[in-house]
Each structure stands twice: as structure tokens, then as C-alpha cells.
Amino acid sequence: MNAASQLDAIAAHIAALRTDSGGSVTALSNEARSSAELIGALPPRYGEVLLSLLDRLESSALFSEESCSFSQKDLLDNLQVWADKARGQLVS
């Protein structure tokens, strides 16, 4: 799978989680963490930010709703921003 396809898959997982249409944090995290071609195509900071967001998202999934110090909704919003910026990097 090429970098753009990997980014599309991550974006699809983010969208599924944001709309409660059957997505799972585990599926998103596994997809993102295994996207070596995508991470390699982006500046190094993108990989660091992605892993940090995923770590916090995984932590938030361990708790019910917003009881964790990490808001799952905010983290998904931040992951969407990350995906949008990553797409911009791939295009340029």
C-alpha cells in the first residue's frame, strides 16, 4: 500500500470513530502504527505527533466517555487536522 492509500485508510478510521459508525480506536491505532510508507514519506515530526496522539487516544479509550484527562473527541479532531496536514505534505 502506498503512502496516500495508507493515509486514506487512517482518515477512514478517524471518520468512522467521529461518526460512531463502528470504528474502533484499536483498528485506527493498528492501521496508523503499521503505515511505515506514509510515516517515511512525511517529515519526521509528523510521525512523532501521530504516535503521541495515538498514545493519548488509546489511553482515553480505557475510560468511559470523557472521564479521562484526554477528550476522545478533541483527540479525534486533532488526528483529523494531522491527516489534513499530512495530505498537504504528500501533495507538495
PDB file of N, CA and C in Angstrom:
ATOM      1  N   MET A   1       0.859  -1.175   0.000  1.00  0.00           N
ATOM      2  CA  MET A   1       0.000   0.000   0.000  1.00  0.00           C
ATOM      3  C   MET A   1       0.907   1.240   0.000  1.00  0.00           C
ATOM      4  N   ASN A   2       0.589   2.210  -0.863  1.00  0.00           N
ATOM      5  CA  ASN A   2       1.421   3.412  -0.915  1.00  0.00           C
ATOM      6  C   ASN A   2       1.013   4.395   0.184  1.00  0.00           C
ATOM      7  N   ALA A   3       1.794   5.474   0.313  1.00  0.00           N
ATOM      8  CA  ALA A   3       1.589   6.442   1.396  1.00  0.00           C
ATOM      9  C   ALA A   3       0.194   7.061   1.342  1.00  0.00           C
ATOM     10  N   ALA A   4      -0.276   7.435   0.150  1.00  0.00           N
ATOM     11  CA  ALA A   4      -1.600   8.057   0.023  1.00  0.00           C
ATOM     12  C   ALA A   4      -2.705   7.076   0.419  1.00  0.00           C
ATOM     13  N   SER A   5      -2.558   5.821   0.056  1.00  0.00           N
ATOM     14  CA  SER A   5      -3.558   4.810   0.427  1.00  0.00           C
ATOM     15  C   SER A   5      -3.568   4.576   1.932  1.00  0.00           C
ATOM     16  N   GLN A   6      -2.384   4.582   2.530  1.00  0.00           N
ATOM     17  CA  GLN A   6      -2.308   4.417   3.975  1.00  0.00           C
ATOM     18  C   GLN A   6      -2.967   5.597   4.680  1.00  0.00           C
ATOM     19  N   LEU A   7      -2.748   6.807   4.170  1.00  0.00           N
ATOM     20  CA  LEU A   7      -3.383   7.986   4.752  1.00  0.00           C
ATOM     21  C   LEU A   7      -4.898   7.920   4.579  1.00  0.00           C
ATOM     22  N   ASP A   8      -5.359   7.460   3.432  1.00  0.00           N
ATOM     23  CA  ASP A   8      -6.804   7.302   3.205  1.00  0.00           C
ATOM     24  C   ASP A   8      -7.415   6.323   4.212  1.00  0.00           C
ATOM     25  N   ALA A   9      -6.704   5.239   4.488  1.00  0.00           N
ATOM     26  CA  ALA A   9      -7.205   4.245   5.440  1.00  0.00           C
ATOM     27  C   ALA A   9      -7.278   4.834   6.855  1.00  0.00           C
ATOM     28  N   ILE A  10      -6.266   5.593   7.233  1.00  0.00           N
ATOM     29  CA  ILE A  10      -6.273   6.240   8.549  1.00  0.00           C
ATOM     30  C   ILE A  10      -7.426   7.231   8.629  1.00  0.00           C
ATOM     31  N   ALA A  11      -7.592   8.037   7.592  1.00  0.00           N
ATOM     32  CA  ALA A  11      -8.685   9.022   7.562  1.00  0.00           C
ATOM     33  C   ALA A  11     -10.045   8.342   7.653  1.00  0.00           C
ATOM     34  N   ALA A  12     -10.193   7.194   7.015  1.00  0.00           N
ATOM     35  CA  ALA A  12     -11.460   6.455   7.084  1.00  0.00           C
ATOM     36  C   ALA A  12     -11.732   5.973   8.501  1.00  0.00           C
ATOM     37  N   HIS A  13     -10.697   5.520   9.202  1.00  0.00           N
ATOM     38  CA  HIS A  13     -10.863   5.091  10.601  1.00  0.00           C
ATOM     39  C   HIS A  13     -11.227   6.274  11.489  1.00  0.00           C
ATOM     40  N   ILE A  14     -10.593   7.417  11.252  1.00  0.00           N
ATOM     41  CA  ILE A  14     -10.916   8.615  12.034  1.00  0.00           C
ATOM     42  C   ILE A  14     -12.377   8.997  11.812  1.00  0.00           C
ATOM     43  N   ALA A  15     -12.795   9.002  10.555  1.00  0.00           N
ATOM     44  CA  ALA A  15     -14.181   9.362  10.228  1.00  0.00           C
ATOM     45  C   ALA A  15     -15.167   8.401  10.875  1.00  0.00           C
ATOM     46  N   ALA A  16     -14.856   7.110  10.861  1.00  0.00           N
ATOM     47  CA  ALA A  16     -15.748   6.115  11.467  1.00  0.00           C
ATOM     48  C   ALA A  16     -15.887   6.355  12.968  1.00  0.00           C
ATOM     49  N   LEU A  17     -14.792   6.693  13.622  1.00  0.00           N
ATOM     50  CA  LEU A  17     -14.847   6.956  15.060  1.00  0.00           C
ATOM     51  C   LEU A  17     -15.594   8.251  15.360  1.00  0.00           C
ATOM     52  N   ARG A  18     -15.399   9.252  14.526  1.00  0.00           N
ATOM     53  CA  ARG A  18     -16.045  10.551  14.768  1.00  0.00           C
ATOM     54  C   ARG A  18     -17.558  10.477  14.563  1.00  0.00           C
ATOM     55  N   THR A  19     -18.008   9.568  13.717  1.00  0.00           N
ATOM     56  CA  THR A  19     -19.441   9.461  13.432  1.00  0.00           C
ATOM     57  C   THR A  19     -20.085   8.264  14.128  1.00  0.00           C
ATOM     58  N   ASP A  20     -19.339   7.596  14.987  1.00  0.00           N
ATOM     59  CA  ASP A  20     -19.851   6.416  15.704  1.00  0.00           C
ATOM     60  C   ASP A  20     -20.409   5.364  14.751  1.00  0.00           C
ATOM     61  N   SER A  21     -19.738   5.167  13.632  1.00  0.00           N
ATOM     62  CA  SER A  21     -20.229   4.186  12.663  1.00  0.00           C
ATOM     63  C   SER A  21     -19.429   2.886  12.695  1.00  0.00           C
ATOM     64  N   GLY A  22     -19.100   2.455  13.884  1.00  0.00           N
ATOM     65  CA  GLY A  22     -18.492   1.144  14.038  1.00  0.00           C
ATOM     66  C   GLY A  22     -16.979   1.111  14.038  1.00  0.00           C
ATOM     67  N   GLY A  23     -16.336   2.261  14.062  1.00  0.00           N
ATOM     68  CA  GLY A  23     -14.885   2.256  14.112  1.00  0.00           C
ATOM     69  C   GLY A  23     -14.386   1.941  15.509  1.00  0.00           C
ATOM     70  N   SER A  24     -13.137   1.529  15.592  1.00  0.00           N
ATOM     71  CA  SER A  24     -12.561   1.268  16.912  1.00  0.00           C
ATOM     72  C   SER A  24     -11.206   1.947  17.023  1.00  0.00           C
ATOM     73  N   VAL A  25     -10.882   2.366  18.221  1.00  0.00           N
ATOM     74  CA  VAL A  25      -9.599   3.000  18.490  1.00  0.00           C
ATOM     75  C   VAL A  25      -8.473   2.023  18.167  1.00  0.00           C
ATOM     76  N   THR A  26      -8.676   0.760  18.495  1.00  0.00           N
ATOM     77  CA  THR A  26      -7.651  -0.254  18.235  1.00  0.00           C
ATOM     78  C   THR A  26      -7.371  -0.384  16.740  1.00  0.00           C
ATOM     79  N   ALA A  27      -8.429  -0.407  15.930  1.00  0.00           N
ATOM     80  CA  ALA A  27      -8.248  -0.517  14.479  1.00  0.00           C
ATOM     81  C   ALA A  27      -7.510   0.699  13.929  1.00  0.00           C
ATOM     82  N   LEU A  28      -7.884   1.881  14.391  1.00  0.00           N
ATOM     83  CA  LEU A  28      -7.209   3.108  13.953  1.00  0.00           C
ATOM     84  C   LEU A  28      -5.741   3.063  14.354  1.00  0.00           C
ATOM     85  N   SER A  29      -5.487   2.737  15.595  1.00  0.00           N
ATOM     86  CA  SER A  29      -4.120   2.715  16.096  1.00  0.00           C
ATOM     87  C   SER A  29      -3.273   1.694  15.335  1.00  0.00           C
ATOM     88  N   ASN A  30      -3.801   0.504  15.137  1.00  0.00           N
ATOM     89  CA  ASN A  30      -3.058  -0.528  14.408  1.00  0.00           C
ATOM     90  C   ASN A  30      -2.761  -0.088  12.974  1.00  0.00           C
ATOM     91  N   GLU A  31      -3.760   0.489  12.321  1.00  0.00           N
ATOM     92  CA  GLU A  31      -3.584   0.966  10.948  1.00  0.00           C
ATOM     93  C   GLU A  31      -2.505   2.042  10.891  1.00  0.00           C
ATOM     94  N   ALA A  32      -2.598   3.016  11.786  1.00  0.00           N
ATOM     95  CA  ALA A  32      -1.650   4.128  11.766  1.00  0.00           C
ATOM     96  C   ALA A  32      -0.228   3.673  12.110  1.00  0.00           C
ATOM     97  N   ARG A  33      -0.112   2.826  13.104  1.00  0.00           N
ATOM     98  CA  ARG A  33       1.218   2.385  13.537  1.00  0.00           C
ATOM     99  C   ARG A  33       1.892   1.486  12.495  1.00  0.00           C
ATOM    100  N   SER A  34       1.106   0.848  11.647  1.00  0.00           N
ATOM    101  CA  SER A  34       1.692  -0.022  10.624  1.00  0.00           C
ATOM    102  C   SER A  34       1.868   0.681   9.280  1.00  0.00           C
ATOM    103  N   SER A  35       1.663   1.977   9.245  1.00  0.00           N
ATOM    104  CA  SER A  35       1.756   2.743   7.993  1.00  0.00           C
ATOM    105  C   SER A  35       3.169   3.282   7.790  1.00  0.00           C
ATOM    106  N   ALA A  36       4.104   2.371   7.651  1.00  0.00           N
ATOM    107  CA  ALA A  36       5.518   2.744   7.552  1.00  0.00           C
ATOM    108  C   ALA A  36       5.808   3.599   6.322  1.00  0.00           C
ATOM    109  N   GLU A  37       5.192   3.285   5.204  1.00  0.00           N
ATOM    110  CA  GLU A  37       5.458   4.059   3.988  1.00  0.00           C
ATOM    111  C   GLU A  37       4.979   5.502   4.148  1.00  0.00           C
ATOM    112  N   LEU A  38       3.821   5.678   4.756  1.00  0.00           N
ATOM    113  CA  LEU A  38       3.291   7.021   4.993  1.00  0.00           C
ATOM    114  C   LEU A  38       4.213   7.799   5.927  1.00  0.00           C
ATOM    115  N   ILE A  39       4.581   7.200   7.036  1.00  0.00           N
ATOM    116  CA  ILE A  39       5.441   7.876   8.011  1.00  0.00           C
ATOM    117  C   ILE A  39       6.790   8.226   7.380  1.00  0.00           C
ATOM    118  N   GLY A  40       7.296   7.340   6.538  1.00  0.00           N
ATOM    119  CA  GLY A  40       8.563   7.600   5.867  1.00  0.00           C
ATOM    120  C   GLY A  40       8.487   8.719   4.842  1.00  0.00           C
ATOM    121  N   ALA A  41       7.303   8.947   4.283  1.00  0.00           N
ATOM    122  CA  ALA A  41       7.126   9.979   3.262  1.00  0.00           C
ATOM    123  C   ALA A  41       6.917  11.368   3.858  1.00  0.00           C
ATOM    124  N   LEU A  42       6.682  11.432   5.156  1.00  0.00           N
ATOM    125  CA  LEU A  42       6.404  12.705   5.826  1.00  0.00           C
ATOM    126  C   LEU A  42       7.631  13.176   6.604  1.00  0.00           C
ATOM    127  N   PRO A  43       7.711  14.480   6.898  1.00  0.00           N
ATOM    128  CA  PRO A  43       8.799  14.955   7.772  1.00  0.00           C
ATOM    129  C   PRO A  43       8.745  14.228   9.119  1.00  0.00           C
ATOM    130  N   PRO A  44       9.892  14.025   9.753  1.00  0.00           N
ATOM    131  CA  PRO A  44       9.953  13.235  10.991  1.00  0.00           C
ATOM    132  C   PRO A  44       8.979  13.682  12.080  1.00  0.00           C
ATOM    133  N   ARG A  45       8.744  14.960  12.193  1.00  0.00           N
ATOM    134  CA  ARG A  45       7.858  15.475  13.250  1.00  0.00           C
ATOM    135  C   ARG A  45       6.444  14.897  13.125  1.00  0.00           C
ATOM    136  N   TYR A  46       6.001  14.605  11.912  1.00  0.00           N
ATOM    137  CA  TYR A  46       4.656  14.058  11.715  1.00  0.00           C
ATOM    138  C   TYR A  46       4.502  12.702  12.399  1.00  0.00           C
ATOM    139  N   GLY A  47       5.533  11.882  12.321  1.00  0.00           N
ATOM    140  CA  GLY A  47       5.483  10.587  12.983  1.00  0.00           C
ATOM    141  C   GLY A  47       5.429  10.724  14.492  1.00  0.00           C
ATOM    142  N   GLU A  48       6.206  11.666  15.018  1.00  0.00           N
ATOM    143  CA  GLU A  48       6.221  11.896  16.464  1.00  0.00           C
ATOM    144  C   GLU A  48       4.850  12.366  16.950  1.00  0.00           C
ATOM    145  N   VAL A  49       4.257  13.305  16.229  1.00  0.00           N
ATOM    146  CA  VAL A  49       2.945  13.828  16.618  1.00  0.00           C
ATOM    147  C   VAL A  49       1.886  12.742  16.519  1.00  0.00           C
ATOM    148  N   LEU A  50       1.925  11.962  15.446  1.00  0.00           N
ATOM    149  CA  LEU A  50       0.942  10.883  15.277  1.00  0.00           C
ATOM    150  C   LEU A  50       1.018   9.899  16.434  1.00  0.00           C
ATOM    151  N   LEU A  51       2.212   9.457  16.770  1.00  0.00           N
ATOM    152  CA  LEU A  51       2.359   8.488  17.863  1.00  0.00           C
ATOM    153  C   LEU A  51       1.885   9.064  19.193  1.00  0.00           C
ATOM    154  N   SER A  52       2.165  10.327  19.433  1.00  0.00           N
ATOM    155  CA  SER A  52       1.708  10.974  20.661  1.00  0.00           C
ATOM    156  C   SER A  52       0.178  11.017  20.718  1.00  0.00           C
ATOM    157  N   LEU A  53      -0.441  11.404  19.621  1.00  0.00           N
ATOM    158  CA  LEU A  53      -1.912  11.449  19.578  1.00  0.00           C
ATOM    159  C   LEU A  53      -2.510  10.061  19.758  1.00  0.00           C
ATOM    160  N   LEU A  54      -1.899   9.063  19.125  1.00  0.00           N
ATOM    161  CA  LEU A  54      -2.411   7.692  19.261  1.00  0.00           C
ATOM    162  C   LEU A  54      -2.281   7.193  20.698  1.00  0.00           C
ATOM    163  N   ASP A  55      -1.156   7.494  21.342  1.00  0.00           N
ATOM    164  CA  ASP A  55      -0.971   7.082  22.741  1.00  0.00           C
ATOM    165  C   ASP A  55      -2.073   7.668  23.620  1.00  0.00           C
ATOM    166  N   ARG A  56      -2.355   8.952  23.425  1.00  0.00           N
ATOM    167  CA  ARG A  56      -3.391   9.597  24.230  1.00  0.00           C
ATOM    168  C   ARG A  56      -4.779   9.058  23.885  1.00  0.00           C
ATOM    169  N   LEU A  57      -5.025   8.791  22.603  1.00  0.00           N
ATOM    170  CA  LEU A  57      -6.321   8.245  22.195  1.00  0.00           C
ATOM    171  C   LEU A  57      -6.532   6.858  22.797  1.00  0.00           C
ATOM    172  N   GLU A  58      -5.503   6.038  22.772  1.00  0.00           N
ATOM    173  CA  GLU A  58      -5.596   4.705  23.370  1.00  0.00           C
ATOM    174  C   GLU A  58      -5.868   4.801  24.864  1.00  0.00           C
ATOM    175  N   SER A  59      -5.224   5.752  25.532  1.00  0.00           N
ATOM    176  CA  SER A  59      -5.466   5.952  26.962  1.00  0.00           C
ATOM    177  C   SER A  59      -6.903   6.384  27.209  1.00  0.00           C
ATOM    178  N   SER A  60      -7.415   7.273  26.370  1.00  0.00           N
ATOM    179  CA  SER A  60      -8.789   7.753  26.559  1.00  0.00           C
ATOM    180  C   SER A  60      -9.797   6.640  26.344  1.00  0.00           C
ATOM    181  N   ALA A  61      -9.457   5.671  25.492  1.00  0.00           N
ATOM    182  CA  ALA A  61     -10.378   4.566  25.211  1.00  0.00           C
ATOM    183  C   ALA A  61     -10.525   3.625  26.406  1.00  0.00           C
ATOM    184  N   LEU A  62      -9.598   3.691  27.335  1.00  0.00           N
ATOM    185  CA  LEU A  62      -9.664   2.831  28.513  1.00  0.00           C
ATOM    186  C   LEU A  62     -10.696   3.308  29.527  1.00  0.00           C
ATOM    187  N   PHE A  63     -11.140   4.549  29.364  1.00  0.00           N
ATOM    188  CA  PHE A  63     -12.076   5.138  30.303  1.00  0.00           C
ATOM    189  C   PHE A  63     -13.399   5.413  29.613  1.00  0.00           C
ATOM    190  N   SER A  64     -14.445   5.504  30.376  1.00  0.00           N
ATOM    191  CA  SER A  64     -15.758   5.775  29.802  1.00  0.00           C
ATOM    192  C   SER A  64     -15.896   7.247  29.456  1.00  0.00           C
ATOM    193  N   GLU A  65     -16.455   7.486  28.292  1.00  0.00           N
ATOM    194  CA  GLU A  65     -16.766   8.842  27.814  1.00  0.00           C
ATOM    195  C   GLU A  65     -15.603   9.799  28.013  1.00  0.00           C
ATOM    196  N   GLU A  66     -15.828  10.903  28.698  1.00  0.00           N
ATOM    197  CA  GLU A  66     -14.820  11.947  28.848  1.00  0.00           C
ATOM    198  C   GLU A  66     -14.219  11.949  30.258  1.00  0.00           C
ATOM    199  N   SER A  67     -14.227  10.798  30.949  1.00  0.00           N
ATOM    200  CA  SER A  67     -13.712  10.768  32.311  1.00  0.00           C
ATOM    201  C   SER A  67     -12.181  10.815  32.352  1.00  0.00           C
ATOM    202  N   CYS A  68     -11.562  10.581  31.258  1.00  0.00           N
ATOM    203  CA  CYS A  68     -10.107  10.634  31.171  1.00  0.00           C
ATOM    204  C   CYS A  68      -9.673  12.083  30.966  1.00  0.00           C
ATOM    205  N   SER A  69      -8.431  12.369  31.276  1.00  0.00           N
ATOM    206  CA  SER A  69      -7.936  13.735  31.078  1.00  0.00           C
ATOM    207  C   SER A  69      -7.794  14.069  29.593  1.00  0.00           C
ATOM    208  N   PHE A  70      -7.867  13.059  28.731  1.00  0.00           N
ATOM    209  CA  PHE A  70      -7.807  13.269  27.288  1.00  0.00           C
ATOM    210  C   PHE A  70      -9.210  13.128  26.709  1.00  0.00           C
ATOM    211  N   SER A  71      -9.716  14.165  26.116  1.00  0.00           N
ATOM    212  CA  SER A  71     -11.024  14.114  25.473  1.00  0.00           C
ATOM    213  C   SER A  71     -10.901  13.365  24.152  1.00  0.00           C
ATOM    214  N   GLN A  72     -11.630  12.269  24.018  1.00  0.00           N
ATOM    215  CA  GLN A  72     -11.554  11.480  22.797  1.00  0.00           C
ATOM    216  C   GLN A  72     -11.997  12.304  21.586  1.00  0.00           C
ATOM    217  N   LYS A  73     -13.018  13.120  21.760  1.00  0.00           N
ATOM    218  CA  LYS A  73     -13.490  13.962  20.658  1.00  0.00           C
ATOM    219  C   LYS A  73     -12.398  14.933  20.223  1.00  0.00           C
ATOM    220  N   ASP A  74     -11.748  15.570  21.179  1.00  0.00           N
ATOM    221  CA  ASP A  74     -10.673  16.512  20.855  1.00  0.00           C
ATOM    222  C   ASP A  74      -9.498  15.803  20.187  1.00  0.00           C
ATOM    223  N   LEU A  75      -9.181  14.609  20.662  1.00  0.00           N
ATOM    224  CA  LEU A  75      -8.082  13.859  20.058  1.00  0.00           C
ATOM    225  C   LEU A  75      -8.410  13.464  18.620  1.00  0.00           C
ATOM    226  N   LEU A  76      -9.655  13.063  18.376  1.00  0.00           N
ATOM    227  CA  LEU A  76     -10.054  12.732  17.012  1.00  0.00           C
ATOM    228  C   LEU A  76     -10.014  13.970  16.122  1.00  0.00           C
ATOM    229  N   ASP A  77     -10.417  15.105  16.673  1.00  0.00           N
ATOM    230  CA  ASP A  77     -10.324  16.362  15.919  1.00  0.00           C
ATOM    231  C   ASP A  77      -8.859  16.659  15.573  1.00  0.00           C
ATOM    232  N   ASN A  78      -7.975  16.456  16.542  1.00  0.00           N
ATOM    233  CA  ASN A  78      -6.547  16.694  16.306  1.00  0.00           C
ATOM    234  C   ASN A  78      -5.970  15.701  15.296  1.00  0.00           C
ATOM    235  N   LEU A  79      -6.428  14.459  15.344  1.00  0.00           N
ATOM    236  CA  LEU A  79      -5.980  13.480  14.353  1.00  0.00           C
ATOM    237  C   LEU A  79      -6.465  13.861  12.955  1.00  0.00           C
ATOM    238  N   GLN A  80      -7.661  14.425  12.869  1.00  0.00           N
ATOM    239  CA  GLN A  80      -8.170  14.868  11.573  1.00  0.00           C
ATOM    240  C   GLN A  80      -7.313  16.009  11.032  1.00  0.00           C
ATOM    241  N   VAL A  81      -6.939  16.939  11.905  1.00  0.00           N
ATOM    242  CA  VAL A  81      -6.047  18.033  11.498  1.00  0.00           C
ATOM    243  C   VAL A  81      -4.711  17.454  11.028  1.00  0.00           C
ATOM    244  N   TRP A  82      -4.195  16.483  11.782  1.00  0.00           N
ATOM    245  CA  TRP A  82      -2.940  15.835  11.401  1.00  0.00           C
ATOM    246  C   TRP A  82      -3.079  15.216  10.007  1.00  0.00           C
ATOM    247  N   ALA A  83      -4.170  14.496   9.768  1.00  0.00           N
ATOM    248  CA  ALA A  83      -4.370  13.836   8.465  1.00  0.00           C
ATOM    249  C   ALA A  83      -4.465  14.876   7.347  1.00  0.00           C
ATOM    250  N   ASP A  84      -5.151  15.968   7.590  1.00  0.00           N
ATOM    251  CA  ASP A  84      -5.275  17.027   6.585  1.00  0.00           C
ATOM    252  C   ASP A  84      -3.906  17.626   6.252  1.00  0.00           C
ATOM    253  N   LYS A  85      -3.120  17.892   7.285  1.00  0.00           N
ATOM    254  CA  LYS A  85      -1.786  18.453   7.068  1.00  0.00           C
ATOM    255  C   LYS A  85      -0.855  17.439   6.400  1.00  0.00           C
ATOM    256  N   ALA A  86      -0.982  16.180   6.778  1.00  0.00           N
ATOM    257  CA  ALA A  86      -0.183  15.130   6.156  1.00  0.00           C
ATOM    258  C   ALA A  86      -0.514  15.021   4.674  1.00  0.00           C
ATOM    259  N   ARG A  87      -1.790  15.123   4.335  1.00  0.00           N
ATOM    260  CA  ARG A  87      -2.194  15.075   2.933  1.00  0.00           C
ATOM    261  C   ARG A  87      -1.557  16.232   2.168  1.00  0.00           C
ATOM    262  N   GLY A  88      -1.543  17.412   2.788  1.00  0.00           N
ATOM    263  CA  GLY A  88      -0.898  18.566   2.176  1.00  0.00           C
ATOM    264  C   GLY A  88       0.589  18.339   1.931  1.00  0.00           C
ATOM    265  N   GLN A  89       1.249  17.657   2.855  1.00  0.00           N
ATOM    266  CA  GLN A  89       2.674  17.348   2.698  1.00  0.00           C
ATOM    267  C   GLN A  89       2.903  16.358   1.557  1.00  0.00           C
ATOM    268  N   LEU A  90       2.000  15.390   1.417  1.00  0.00           N
ATOM    269  CA  LEU A  90       2.154  14.396   0.351  1.00  0.00           C
ATOM    270  C   LEU A  90       1.962  15.000  -1.025  1.00  0.00           C
ATOM    271  N   VAL A  91       1.054  15.987  -1.102  1.00  0.00           N
ATOM    272  CA  VAL A  91       0.738  16.625  -2.375  1.00  0.00           C
ATOM    273  C   VAL A  91       1.861  17.552  -2.814  1.00  0.00           C
ATOM    274  N   SER A  92       2.479  18.235  -1.858  1.00  0.00           N
ATOM    275  CA  SER A  92       3.516  19.222  -2.229  1.00  0.00           C
ATOM    276  C   SER A  92       4.856  18.606  -2.509  1.00  0.00           C
TER     277      SER A  92
END
